[in-house]
Amino acid sequence: MQNNPRRLYLPRRSKFPPNTMAIDRRSDWGNPYIVGSPGVPDRETAVQLYECDLLAGKLRGYRSGRPLSVDDAIRELRGFDLVCSGCPDDGQPCHGTILLRIANQPEKRCAQKPESAGQK
């Protein structure tokens, strides 16, 4: 597992480097929102819709149709470089940036409850 995973652009049919996961439409993590389709005028909108669906628990796997959650992203993508062939690394938004942020968010730790807390 890497300390600083990143989003990589690799054209289709490229060989993936080690420690990478595909997140384009060859995988379940592909963005179903196609730029230019009704309601999706640009890449920024496509990325926002993807993020909203993921956070709301409404995202379905692009290939399998299975429900995808934030927990799935953390479990399956944490620590990997994420490869997308749909978004060149041109500074424009990509759903891979969203997946990187969500999958690699710091783990939340519950504070220990003092032994006397809640006792009467």
C-alpha atoms as a PDB file:
ATOM      1  CA  MET A   1       0.000   0.000   0.000  1.00  0.00           C
ATOM      2  CA  GLN A   2       1.300   3.445  -0.903  1.00  0.00           C
ATOM      3  CA  ASN A   3       1.434   6.499   1.324  1.00  0.00           C
ATOM      4  CA  ASN A   4       0.541   8.980  -1.416  1.00  0.00           C
ATOM      5  CA  PRO A   5      -1.680   7.349  -4.005  1.00  0.00           C
ATOM      6  CA  ARG A   6      -2.405   9.395  -7.116  1.00  0.00           C
ATOM      7  CA  ARG A   7      -4.607   9.425 -10.166  1.00  0.00           C
ATOM      8  CA  LEU A   8      -2.909   8.319 -13.360  1.00  0.00           C
ATOM      9  CA  TYR A   9      -4.011   8.709 -16.935  1.00  0.00           C
ATOM     10  CA  LEU A  10      -3.170   5.766 -19.160  1.00  0.00           C
ATOM     11  CA  PRO A  11      -4.574   5.375 -22.660  1.00  0.00           C
ATOM     12  CA  ARG A  12      -6.598   2.209 -23.217  1.00  0.00           C
ATOM     13  CA  ARG A  13      -4.542  -0.911 -23.834  1.00  0.00           C
ATOM     14  CA  SER A  14      -1.651   0.489 -21.799  1.00  0.00           C
ATOM     15  CA  LYS A  15       0.026  -1.828 -19.330  1.00  0.00           C
ATOM     16  CA  PHE A  16      -0.740  -0.844 -15.756  1.00  0.00           C
ATOM     17  CA  PRO A  17       2.146  -0.180 -13.398  1.00  0.00           C
ATOM     18  CA  PRO A  18       2.241  -2.123 -10.117  1.00  0.00           C
ATOM     19  CA  ASN A  19      -0.131  -1.110  -7.300  1.00  0.00           C
ATOM     20  CA  THR A  20      -2.780   0.379  -9.580  1.00  0.00           C
ATOM     21  CA  MET A  21      -6.528  -0.110  -9.904  1.00  0.00           C
ATOM     22  CA  ALA A  22      -8.621   0.718 -12.966  1.00  0.00           C
ATOM     23  CA  ILE A  23     -11.443   3.175 -12.313  1.00  0.00           C
ATOM     24  CA  ASP A  24     -12.556   3.802 -15.876  1.00  0.00           C
ATOM     25  CA  ARG A  25     -15.506   2.167 -17.610  1.00  0.00           C
ATOM     26  CA  ARG A  26     -13.629  -1.143 -17.830  1.00  0.00           C
ATOM     27  CA  SER A  27     -14.295  -1.412 -14.091  1.00  0.00           C
ATOM     28  CA  ASP A  28     -17.179  -1.003 -11.671  1.00  0.00           C
ATOM     29  CA  TRP A  29     -15.745   2.376 -10.671  1.00  0.00           C
ATOM     30  CA  GLY A  30     -16.276   3.979 -14.095  1.00  0.00           C
ATOM     31  CA  ASN A  31     -18.277   7.197 -14.201  1.00  0.00           C
ATOM     32  CA  PRO A  32     -21.688   6.479 -15.771  1.00  0.00           C
ATOM     33  CA  TYR A  33     -22.280  10.175 -16.538  1.00  0.00           C
ATOM     34  CA  ILE A  34     -21.290  10.917 -20.127  1.00  0.00           C
ATOM     35  CA  VAL A  35     -20.355  14.489 -20.984  1.00  0.00           C
ATOM     36  CA  GLY A  36     -22.757  15.844 -23.579  1.00  0.00           C
ATOM     37  CA  SER A  37     -25.658  13.620 -22.577  1.00  0.00           C
ATOM     38  CA  PRO A  38     -28.819  15.324 -21.243  1.00  0.00           C
ATOM     39  CA  GLY A  39     -28.102  17.084 -17.934  1.00  0.00           C
ATOM     40  CA  VAL A  40     -24.333  16.576 -18.229  1.00  0.00           C
ATOM     41  CA  PRO A  41     -22.955  19.570 -20.133  1.00  0.00           C
ATOM     42  CA  ASP A  42     -19.340  19.229 -18.987  1.00  0.00           C
ATOM     43  CA  ARG A  43     -16.839  17.095 -17.100  1.00  0.00           C
ATOM     44  CA  GLU A  44     -17.266  19.076 -13.871  1.00  0.00           C
ATOM     45  CA  THR A  45     -20.981  18.225 -13.811  1.00  0.00           C
ATOM     46  CA  ALA A  46     -20.255  14.547 -14.519  1.00  0.00           C
ATOM     47  CA  VAL A  47     -17.833  14.450 -11.582  1.00  0.00           C
ATOM     48  CA  GLN A  48     -20.274  16.229  -9.247  1.00  0.00           C
ATOM     49  CA  LEU A  49     -23.070  13.808 -10.140  1.00  0.00           C
ATOM     50  CA  TYR A  50     -20.755  10.844  -9.561  1.00  0.00           C
ATOM     51  CA  GLU A  51     -19.713  12.160  -6.144  1.00  0.00           C
ATOM     52  CA  CYS A  52     -23.313  12.846  -5.104  1.00  0.00           C
ATOM     53  CA  ASP A  53     -24.383   9.330  -6.097  1.00  0.00           C
ATOM     54  CA  LEU A  54     -21.463   7.718  -4.260  1.00  0.00           C
ATOM     55  CA  LEU A  55     -22.008   9.714  -1.070  1.00  0.00           C
ATOM     56  CA  ALA A  56     -25.772   9.099  -1.163  1.00  0.00           C
ATOM     57  CA  GLY A  57     -25.344   5.345  -1.677  1.00  0.00           C
ATOM     58  CA  LYS A  58     -26.962   5.513  -5.138  1.00  0.00           C
ATOM     59  CA  LEU A  59     -23.926   4.564  -7.251  1.00  0.00           C
ATOM     60  CA  ARG A  60     -24.101   1.244  -9.101  1.00  0.00           C
ATOM     61  CA  GLY A  61     -21.079  -0.594 -10.455  1.00  0.00           C
ATOM     62  CA  TYR A  62     -20.553   0.400 -14.074  1.00  0.00           C
ATOM     63  CA  ARG A  63     -19.807  -3.181 -15.146  1.00  0.00           C
ATOM     64  CA  SER A  64     -21.662  -5.313 -12.605  1.00  0.00           C
ATOM     65  CA  GLY A  65     -24.522  -3.084 -11.485  1.00  0.00           C
ATOM     66  CA  ARG A  66     -23.784  -3.909  -7.844  1.00  0.00           C
ATOM     67  CA  PRO A  67     -24.351  -1.134  -5.284  1.00  0.00           C
ATOM     68  CA  LEU A  68     -21.167   0.781  -4.451  1.00  0.00           C
ATOM     69  CA  SER A  69     -20.627   2.653  -1.200  1.00  0.00           C
ATOM     70  CA  VAL A  70     -18.011   4.822   0.428  1.00  0.00           C
ATOM     71  CA  ASP A  71     -17.009   1.754   2.460  1.00  0.00           C
ATOM     72  CA  ASP A  72     -16.491  -0.193  -0.782  1.00  0.00           C
ATOM     73  CA  ALA A  73     -14.249   2.583  -2.118  1.00  0.00           C
ATOM     74  CA  ILE A  74     -12.181   2.550   1.068  1.00  0.00           C
ATOM     75  CA  ARG A  75     -11.921  -1.244   1.157  1.00  0.00           C
ATOM     76  CA  GLU A  76     -11.171  -1.721  -2.558  1.00  0.00           C
ATOM     77  CA  LEU A  77      -9.203   1.393  -3.540  1.00  0.00           C
ATOM     78  CA  ARG A  78      -7.338   2.653  -0.450  1.00  0.00           C
ATOM     79  CA  GLY A  79      -3.599   2.909  -1.064  1.00  0.00           C
ATOM     80  CA  PHE A  80      -3.713   2.201  -4.798  1.00  0.00           C
ATOM     81  CA  ASP A  81      -2.886   4.535  -7.649  1.00  0.00           C
ATOM     82  CA  LEU A  82      -6.105   4.945  -9.624  1.00  0.00           C
ATOM     83  CA  VAL A  83      -5.945   4.637 -13.409  1.00  0.00           C
ATOM     84  CA  CYS A  84      -8.473   6.368 -15.633  1.00  0.00           C
ATOM     85  CA  SER A  85      -8.282   6.294 -19.411  1.00  0.00           C
ATOM     86  CA  GLY A  86     -11.158   8.743 -19.823  1.00  0.00           C
ATOM     87  CA  CYS A  87      -9.638  11.839 -18.217  1.00  0.00           C
ATOM     88  CA  PRO A  88      -6.264  13.046 -19.401  1.00  0.00           C
ATOM     89  CA  ASP A  89      -4.208  14.679 -16.688  1.00  0.00           C
ATOM     90  CA  ASP A  90      -5.097  18.129 -17.978  1.00  0.00           C
ATOM     91  CA  GLY A  91      -6.139  19.813 -14.745  1.00  0.00           C
ATOM     92  CA  GLN A  92      -9.845  19.320 -15.399  1.00  0.00           C
ATOM     93  CA  PRO A  93     -12.005  17.406 -12.914  1.00  0.00           C
ATOM     94  CA  CYS A  94     -12.042  13.606 -12.915  1.00  0.00           C
ATOM     95  CA  HIS A  95     -14.068  11.224 -10.772  1.00  0.00           C
ATOM     96  CA  GLY A  96     -10.715   9.637  -9.891  1.00  0.00           C
ATOM     97  CA  THR A  97      -9.885  12.680  -7.783  1.00  0.00           C
ATOM     98  CA  ILE A  98     -13.092  12.083  -5.807  1.00  0.00           C
ATOM     99  CA  LEU A  99     -12.304   8.387  -5.377  1.00  0.00           C
ATOM    100  CA  LEU A 100      -8.754   9.153  -4.219  1.00  0.00           C
ATOM    101  CA  ARG A 101     -10.000  11.587  -1.603  1.00  0.00           C
ATOM    102  CA  ILE A 102     -12.720   9.276  -0.307  1.00  0.00           C
ATOM    103  CA  ALA A 103     -10.716   6.037  -0.359  1.00  0.00           C
ATOM    104  CA  ASN A 104      -7.711   7.564   1.379  1.00  0.00           C
ATOM    105  CA  GLN A 105      -9.431   9.714   3.977  1.00  0.00           C
ATOM    106  CA  PRO A 106      -7.900   9.378   7.433  1.00  0.00           C
ATOM    107  CA  GLU A 107      -9.359   6.532   9.426  1.00  0.00           C
ATOM    108  CA  LYS A 108     -11.717   7.728  12.104  1.00  0.00           C
ATOM    109  CA  ARG A 109     -10.926   6.484  15.558  1.00  0.00           C
ATOM    110  CA  CYS A 110     -13.443   6.475  18.345  1.00  0.00           C
ATOM    111  CA  ALA A 111     -12.307   8.105  21.547  1.00  0.00           C
ATOM    112  CA  GLN A 112     -12.127   5.775  24.510  1.00  0.00           C
ATOM    113  CA  LYS A 113     -14.952   6.401  26.939  1.00  0.00           C
ATOM    114  CA  PRO A 114     -13.703   6.957  30.473  1.00  0.00           C
ATOM    115  CA  GLU A 115     -14.682   4.083  32.736  1.00  0.00           C
ATOM    116  CA  SER A 116     -16.802   6.341  34.935  1.00  0.00           C
ATOM    117  CA  ALA A 117     -18.726   7.870  31.980  1.00  0.00           C
ATOM    118  CA  GLY A 118     -22.387   6.972  31.901  1.00  0.00           C
ATOM    119  CA  GLN A 119     -22.359   5.328  35.325  1.00  0.00           C
ATOM    120  CA  LYS A 120     -24.553   6.565  38.144  1.00  0.00           C
END
